[in-house]
Amino acid sequence: MAEKKNVLLVGAGGVGTMAAVSLEASGRASVTAVLRSNFASVSEHGFNIESVDYGSLKAWKPTNIAKQVPDVAQDNLPPFDYIVVATKNCPDVGPAVEEIIAPAITQGHTVIVLVQNGLNIEKPLIKTFPQNVVLSGISLIGVAEKGHGNIIHDYHDELIVGAFKNPNIGPDTARAAAAEFVEIYSTSGKVACEHNENVDFVRWRKLIYNASFNPISTITGMDTTRLRLAKTPIETLVKPAMREIWNAAKAAGHDIPEEHIENTIHIDPLEVYCKPSMLQDVEKGNYIEYENILGEPIREAEKLGVPIPTLKTLYGLCAALQWKTKEARGLIELEGSNLVPNEG
């Protein structure tokens, strides 16, 4: 057998943990998972996972767990072949992804896999690591972490992988890295992982769900089932937001089938009462990743002259929610009689 690939996972929430499970189940990868808030719990008890794909996994652990991103040069460690980043992407809060993973990068060798939402997430990575392949990972999984180390995985794991365009790296090299990762991820036979080179199309297509249901559920506090049963939010908020993304995608050269809008509205089974990830985050008092899900599509739409009034309203409301969370977490202090915000 070929030597196992050395994989670092950054972001071991629901999506990241199930990625680690699939990579380990392939028998072709050894995963080191970087844990933060759940480190103590997982160190002692492992992950308890109820998975539609893998069944019940008690006290499961990857090959290694770490409290922080390893420094391969300083600690004289073997290079990581892949770094899978499954953290929430909140560039307005920081630290930036490229700063977090920098100690673990081996120039020209490590392939970076961004299993994250939104547009233009690759740009700072390619700027910082111009000689490293950066892959896009679009996850269509249904999963949630219910307390530290407890994973409920109730919708099959589907991952769409392709290489972001990098002018410093030949397309054949990037394509080969994407194909190899897809092969490894698929080897368990339990998941669906496909190689799709049309990265921008796939990301715009997912935004039809993410830029509508995610912020609207978060702002209203309603899961997707309740939004659909209430009907009015679908007609006055969800559909207009989806249509604006569809129009912007079309102007950018991506012809998403028009029926995808209606299909996306009904994609979550009614009986699941699905809470999109952004709603789960705000309920936990965590930051929300609205910049890449709303801000970047808005900026792209404005460049193309596409009207996006619904998306801009949602963006403003999400920015207000993020400001409240920053204040609650001490990043913003109101000081003095003029109440001038001091952003730390």
Protein backbone atom coordinates (compact mmCIF):
# COMPACT_ATOMS: atom_id res chain seq x y z
CA MET A 1 0.00 0.00 0.00
CA ALA A 2 1.06 3.57 -0.64
CA GLU A 3 2.16 5.57 2.36
CA LYS A 4 -0.72 7.35 4.06
CA LYS A 5 -1.14 11.03 3.35
CA ASN A 6 -0.37 13.33 6.24
CA VAL A 7 -3.46 15.53 6.72
CA LEU A 8 -4.02 18.43 9.09
CA LEU A 9 -7.63 19.35 9.90
CA VAL A 10 -8.28 22.88 11.15
CA GLY A 11 -11.85 23.27 12.38
CA ALA A 12 -13.20 20.13 14.02
CA GLY A 13 -16.86 21.08 14.32
CA GLY A 14 -19.53 19.00 12.63
CA VAL A 15 -18.35 19.38 9.03
CA GLY A 16 -14.66 19.02 9.87
CA THR A 17 -15.14 16.03 12.12
CA MET A 18 -17.08 14.11 9.47
CA ALA A 19 -14.36 14.98 6.94
CA ALA A 20 -11.81 13.50 9.33
CA VAL A 21 -13.94 10.37 9.72
CA SER A 22 -14.09 9.86 5.94
CA LEU A 23 -10.39 10.50 5.44
CA GLU A 24 -9.43 8.07 8.21
CA ALA A 25 -11.96 5.48 6.99
CA SER A 26 -10.26 5.51 3.59
CA GLY A 27 -7.19 3.90 5.11
CA ARG A 28 -5.14 6.28 3.01
CA ALA A 29 -4.82 9.27 5.34
CA SER A 30 -3.65 9.99 8.86
CA VAL A 31 -5.44 13.02 10.27
CA THR A 32 -4.19 15.42 12.92
CA ALA A 33 -7.17 17.45 14.12
CA VAL A 34 -6.63 20.86 15.70
CA LEU A 35 -9.20 21.31 18.47
CA ARG A 36 -10.00 24.42 20.43
CA SER A 37 -13.04 24.61 22.74
CA ASN A 38 -13.64 20.86 22.50
CA PHE A 39 -10.01 19.82 23.09
CA ALA A 40 -10.39 18.74 26.73
CA SER A 41 -13.59 16.80 26.09
CA VAL A 42 -12.34 15.00 22.97
CA SER A 43 -8.94 14.28 24.53
CA GLU A 44 -10.63 12.42 27.36
CA HIS A 45 -13.75 10.98 25.75
CA GLY A 46 -13.29 11.17 21.99
CA PHE A 47 -16.09 12.12 19.62
CA ASN A 48 -19.52 10.54 19.97
CA ILE A 49 -21.00 10.49 16.50
CA GLU A 50 -24.41 9.47 15.21
CA SER A 51 -24.00 9.35 11.45
CA VAL A 52 -26.36 8.57 8.62
CA ASP A 53 -23.31 7.32 6.69
CA TYR A 54 -21.18 5.61 9.35
CA GLY A 55 -23.67 4.66 12.06
CA SER A 56 -22.88 5.07 15.74
CA LEU A 57 -19.23 5.86 16.53
CA LYS A 58 -18.42 6.00 20.23
CA ALA A 59 -15.27 7.63 21.58
CA TRP A 60 -13.91 8.03 18.04
CA LYS A 61 -10.61 9.85 17.53
CA PRO A 62 -8.46 10.66 14.51
CA THR A 63 -4.83 9.56 14.45
CA ASN A 64 -3.71 12.65 16.37
CA ILE A 65 -5.27 15.65 18.07
CA ALA A 66 -3.55 18.95 18.77
CA LYS A 67 -4.36 22.09 20.72
CA GLN A 68 -2.84 24.42 18.13
CA VAL A 69 -1.61 24.37 14.56
CA PRO A 70 1.79 22.62 14.52
CA ASP A 71 4.88 24.49 13.37
CA VAL A 72 6.49 21.99 11.00
CA ALA A 73 9.78 23.87 10.64
CA GLN A 74 10.28 24.75 14.30
CA ASP A 75 9.30 21.28 15.55
CA ASN A 76 11.07 19.43 12.72
CA LEU A 77 7.86 17.63 11.69
CA PRO A 78 7.18 15.83 8.41
CA PRO A 79 5.34 18.07 5.95
CA PHE A 80 1.57 17.97 5.72
CA ASP A 81 0.37 16.80 2.33
CA TYR A 82 -3.04 18.39 2.82
CA ILE A 83 -4.45 20.97 5.20
CA VAL A 84 -8.25 20.79 5.34
CA VAL A 85 -9.74 24.04 6.64
CA ALA A 86 -13.31 23.66 7.90
CA THR A 87 -13.49 26.68 10.20
CA LYS A 88 -16.10 29.39 9.96
CA ASN A 89 -14.81 32.15 7.70
CA CYS A 90 -15.17 35.52 9.45
CA PRO A 91 -12.60 37.89 7.90
CA ASP A 92 -14.16 40.84 9.76
CA VAL A 93 -13.15 39.27 13.06
CA GLY A 94 -9.86 37.43 12.49
CA PRO A 95 -7.41 35.88 12.78
CA ALA A 96 -7.31 35.25 9.03
CA VAL A 97 -7.12 31.69 7.71
CA GLU A 98 -3.71 32.30 6.12
CA GLU A 99 -2.33 33.44 9.48
CA ILE A 100 -3.76 30.42 11.30
CA ILE A 101 -2.35 27.76 8.98
CA ALA A 102 0.98 29.44 8.08
CA PRO A 103 3.11 27.43 10.59
CA ALA A 104 1.94 24.15 9.04
CA ILE A 105 2.56 25.07 5.40
CA THR A 106 5.45 23.63 3.44
CA GLN A 107 5.97 25.87 0.43
CA GLY A 108 5.24 24.19 -2.88
CA HIS A 109 4.12 20.95 -1.22
CA THR A 110 1.13 21.34 1.08
CA VAL A 111 -2.25 21.40 -0.67
CA ILE A 112 -4.80 23.64 1.06
CA VAL A 113 -8.42 22.44 0.96
CA LEU A 114 -10.97 25.12 1.87
CA VAL A 115 -14.18 23.39 2.98
CA GLN A 116 -15.80 26.77 3.59
CA ASN A 117 -18.67 28.81 2.23
CA GLY A 118 -18.83 31.89 0.05
CA LEU A 119 -16.96 33.70 -2.71
CA ASN A 120 -13.35 34.85 -3.04
CA ILE A 121 -12.18 32.88 -0.01
CA GLU A 122 -9.13 31.66 -1.95
CA LYS A 123 -7.69 35.08 -2.80
CA PRO A 124 -5.77 35.78 0.44
CA LEU A 125 -4.49 32.18 0.47
CA ILE A 126 -3.11 32.35 -3.07
CA LYS A 127 -1.54 35.74 -2.32
CA THR A 128 0.14 34.41 0.84
CA PHE A 129 1.08 30.94 -0.48
CA PRO A 130 1.51 31.46 -4.25
CA GLN A 131 3.30 28.13 -4.81
CA ASN A 132 0.69 25.97 -3.05
CA VAL A 133 -2.38 24.46 -4.68
CA VAL A 134 -5.61 25.71 -3.10
CA LEU A 135 -8.69 23.51 -3.52
CA SER A 136 -12.34 24.44 -3.15
CA GLY A 137 -14.48 22.09 -1.10
CA ILE A 138 -18.24 22.60 -1.26
CA SER A 139 -19.93 20.52 1.43
CA LEU A 140 -23.59 19.57 1.09
CA ILE A 141 -23.69 17.67 4.39
CA GLY A 142 -26.28 18.00 7.15
CA VAL A 143 -24.49 17.94 10.51
CA ALA A 144 -24.41 19.71 13.86
CA GLU A 145 -22.27 19.58 16.99
CA LYS A 146 -24.52 19.26 20.04
CA GLY A 147 -22.15 20.13 22.83
CA HIS A 148 -18.42 19.39 22.84
CA GLY A 149 -17.60 16.29 20.81
CA ASN A 150 -21.19 15.19 20.17
CA ILE A 151 -21.89 15.08 16.44
CA ILE A 152 -25.31 14.52 14.85
CA HIS A 153 -24.89 13.78 11.16
CA ASP A 154 -28.34 13.41 9.57
CA TYR A 155 -27.88 14.23 5.86
CA HIS A 156 -25.47 12.33 3.62
CA ASP A 157 -21.96 13.68 3.14
CA GLU A 158 -21.50 15.11 -0.36
CA LEU A 159 -18.34 17.02 -1.16
CA ILE A 160 -17.57 18.79 -4.45
CA VAL A 161 -13.87 19.49 -4.98
CA GLY A 162 -12.02 21.53 -7.58
CA ALA A 163 -8.88 23.64 -7.81
CA PHE A 164 -9.06 27.41 -7.58
CA LYS A 165 -7.25 29.13 -10.44
CA ASN A 166 -3.73 30.11 -9.48
CA PRO A 167 -1.59 31.86 -12.10
CA ASN A 168 1.56 30.55 -10.41
CA ILE A 169 0.66 26.86 -10.75
CA GLY A 170 0.03 24.86 -13.90
CA PRO A 171 -3.55 23.62 -14.37
CA ASP A 172 -2.42 20.00 -14.70
CA THR A 173 -0.71 20.14 -11.30
CA ALA A 174 -3.77 21.68 -9.65
CA ARG A 175 -6.12 19.23 -11.37
CA ALA A 176 -4.04 16.25 -10.20
CA ALA A 177 -4.09 17.45 -6.59
CA ALA A 178 -7.88 17.80 -6.69
CA ALA A 179 -8.33 14.37 -8.29
CA GLU A 180 -6.11 12.71 -5.69
CA PHE A 181 -7.99 14.29 -2.79
CA VAL A 182 -11.33 13.20 -4.29
CA GLU A 183 -10.03 9.65 -4.67
CA ILE A 184 -8.84 9.49 -1.06
CA TYR A 185 -12.04 11.02 0.34
CA SER A 186 -14.22 8.62 -1.67
CA THR A 187 -12.35 5.43 -0.79
CA SER A 188 -14.47 4.58 2.27
CA GLY A 189 -17.42 4.04 -0.07
CA LYS A 190 -19.70 5.78 2.42
CA VAL A 191 -19.73 9.27 0.94
CA ALA A 192 -20.16 11.05 -2.38
CA CYS A 193 -17.18 13.13 -3.45
CA GLU A 194 -16.90 14.51 -6.99
CA HIS A 195 -14.28 16.43 -8.89
CA ASN A 196 -15.75 19.52 -10.55
CA GLU A 197 -13.37 21.94 -12.22
CA ASN A 198 -16.01 24.68 -12.58
CA VAL A 199 -15.34 26.00 -9.10
CA ASP A 200 -16.97 29.42 -9.49
CA PHE A 201 -20.20 27.93 -10.88
CA VAL A 202 -20.48 25.51 -7.96
CA ARG A 203 -19.91 28.28 -5.41
CA TRP A 204 -22.49 30.61 -6.98
CA ARG A 205 -24.97 27.73 -7.12
CA LYS A 206 -24.59 27.00 -3.41
CA LEU A 207 -25.07 30.70 -2.65
CA ILE A 208 -28.67 30.40 -3.83
CA TYR A 209 -29.26 28.55 -0.54
CA ASN A 210 -26.57 30.13 1.63
CA ALA A 211 -27.21 33.79 0.81
CA SER A 212 -30.95 33.40 1.40
CA PHE A 213 -31.89 30.76 3.97
CA ASN A 214 -28.79 31.28 6.13
CA PRO A 215 -29.20 35.02 6.85
CA ILE A 216 -33.01 35.00 6.82
CA SER A 217 -33.16 32.10 9.30
CA THR A 218 -30.58 33.87 11.45
CA ILE A 219 -32.36 37.22 11.47
CA THR A 220 -35.82 35.74 12.12
CA GLY A 221 -34.73 32.88 14.38
CA MET A 222 -36.77 30.47 12.23
CA ASP A 223 -35.63 27.14 10.79
CA THR A 224 -36.25 26.44 7.11
CA THR A 225 -39.37 24.37 7.83
CA ARG A 226 -41.05 27.22 9.73
CA LEU A 227 -40.10 29.71 7.03
CA ARG A 228 -41.78 27.49 4.44
CA LEU A 229 -44.86 26.86 6.55
CA ALA A 230 -45.22 30.60 7.19
CA LYS A 231 -45.08 31.14 3.38
CA THR A 232 -44.84 34.95 3.47
CA PRO A 233 -41.10 34.95 4.34
CA ILE A 234 -40.49 32.70 1.35
CA GLU A 235 -42.32 34.96 -1.08
CA THR A 236 -41.09 38.31 0.25
CA LEU A 237 -37.55 37.44 1.38
CA VAL A 238 -36.20 34.03 0.37
CA LYS A 239 -37.25 33.99 -3.29
CA PRO A 240 -36.15 37.59 -3.97
CA ALA A 241 -32.74 36.90 -2.38
CA MET A 242 -32.35 33.72 -4.42
CA ARG A 243 -33.34 35.51 -7.60
CA GLU A 244 -30.76 38.23 -6.97
CA ILE A 245 -27.99 35.63 -6.57
CA TRP A 246 -29.22 33.88 -9.72
CA ASN A 247 -29.12 37.16 -11.66
CA ALA A 248 -25.63 38.00 -10.39
CA ALA A 249 -24.36 34.52 -11.22
CA LYS A 250 -25.79 34.82 -14.74
CA ALA A 251 -24.11 38.20 -15.23
CA ALA A 252 -20.85 36.61 -14.09
CA GLY A 253 -21.22 33.95 -16.79
CA HIS A 254 -22.72 31.09 -14.79
CA ASP A 255 -25.95 29.70 -16.22
CA ILE A 256 -27.62 28.04 -13.24
CA PRO A 257 -30.88 26.33 -14.30
CA GLU A 258 -33.79 28.54 -13.29
CA GLU A 259 -35.63 25.63 -11.66
CA HIS A 260 -32.76 25.41 -9.18
CA ILE A 261 -34.38 28.26 -7.24
CA GLU A 262 -37.62 26.37 -6.62
CA ASN A 263 -35.75 23.12 -5.98
CA THR A 264 -33.55 24.83 -3.39
CA ILE A 265 -36.55 26.17 -1.50
CA HIS A 266 -37.71 22.58 -0.94
CA ILE A 267 -34.31 20.93 -0.52
CA ASP A 268 -34.59 20.47 3.27
CA PRO A 269 -37.14 17.80 4.28
CA LEU A 270 -39.94 19.49 6.20
CA GLU A 271 -39.76 16.99 9.05
CA VAL A 272 -36.09 17.88 9.74
CA TYR A 273 -36.76 21.49 10.89
CA CYS A 274 -33.31 22.40 9.54
CA LYS A 275 -31.41 25.18 11.26
CA PRO A 276 -28.83 26.56 8.79
CA SER A 277 -25.30 26.85 10.14
CA MET A 278 -25.45 30.62 10.56
CA LEU A 279 -28.52 30.32 12.80
CA GLN A 280 -26.76 27.65 14.85
CA ASP A 281 -23.81 29.99 15.29
CA VAL A 282 -25.81 33.00 16.42
CA GLU A 283 -27.76 30.83 18.90
CA LYS A 284 -24.42 29.79 20.44
CA GLY A 285 -23.28 33.41 20.64
CA ASN A 286 -20.68 32.81 17.93
CA TYR A 287 -19.69 35.04 15.04
CA ILE A 288 -21.46 34.60 11.71
CA GLU A 289 -19.73 34.26 8.33
CA TYR A 290 -21.78 36.84 6.49
CA GLU A 291 -18.95 38.62 4.67
CA ASN A 292 -18.14 35.83 2.21
CA ILE A 293 -21.75 34.61 1.98
CA LEU A 294 -23.34 38.05 1.46
CA GLY A 295 -20.68 40.74 1.27
CA GLU A 296 -18.60 39.25 -1.55
CA PRO A 297 -21.61 38.35 -3.76
CA ILE A 298 -22.95 41.87 -3.23
CA ARG A 299 -19.64 43.42 -4.25
CA GLU A 300 -19.45 41.16 -7.32
CA ALA A 301 -23.05 42.01 -8.26
CA GLU A 302 -22.38 45.74 -7.95
CA LYS A 303 -19.35 45.45 -10.26
CA LEU A 304 -21.64 43.78 -12.81
CA GLY A 305 -24.43 46.34 -12.40
CA VAL A 306 -26.93 43.82 -11.01
CA PRO A 307 -29.52 45.24 -8.55
CA ILE A 308 -29.43 43.38 -5.21
CA PRO A 309 -31.72 45.32 -2.77
CA THR A 310 -32.78 42.26 -0.74
CA LEU A 311 -29.22 41.01 -0.28
CA LYS A 312 -28.04 44.47 0.81
CA THR A 313 -30.78 44.65 3.44
CA LEU A 314 -29.87 41.19 4.74
CA TYR A 315 -26.21 42.22 4.81
CA GLY A 316 -26.98 45.28 6.92
CA LEU A 317 -28.99 43.25 9.42
CA CYS A 318 -26.27 40.59 9.66
CA ALA A 319 -23.65 43.29 10.20
CA ALA A 320 -25.75 44.58 13.11
CA LEU A 321 -25.95 41.09 14.63
CA GLN A 322 -22.19 40.67 14.25
CA TRP A 323 -21.60 44.03 15.96
CA LYS A 324 -23.73 42.87 18.92
CA THR A 325 -21.67 39.68 19.19
CA LYS A 326 -18.42 41.64 19.03
CA GLU A 327 -19.65 43.87 21.86
CA ALA A 328 -20.76 40.85 23.91
CA ARG A 329 -17.32 39.30 23.47
CA GLY A 330 -15.45 42.45 24.41
CA LEU A 331 -14.14 43.37 20.96
CA ILE A 332 -16.10 46.62 21.12
CA GLU A 333 -16.32 48.81 24.19
CA LEU A 334 -18.50 51.89 24.52
CA GLU A 335 -16.41 54.49 26.33
CA GLY A 336 -17.00 58.04 27.49
CA SER A 337 -19.96 60.36 27.30
CA ASN A 338 -19.96 60.40 23.50
CA LEU A 339 -20.22 56.60 23.36
CA VAL A 340 -17.40 56.30 20.83
CA PRO A 341 -16.82 52.62 20.00
CA ASN A 342 -13.34 51.37 20.82
CA GLU A 343 -12.77 48.35 18.59
CA GLY A 344 -10.12 46.06 20.02
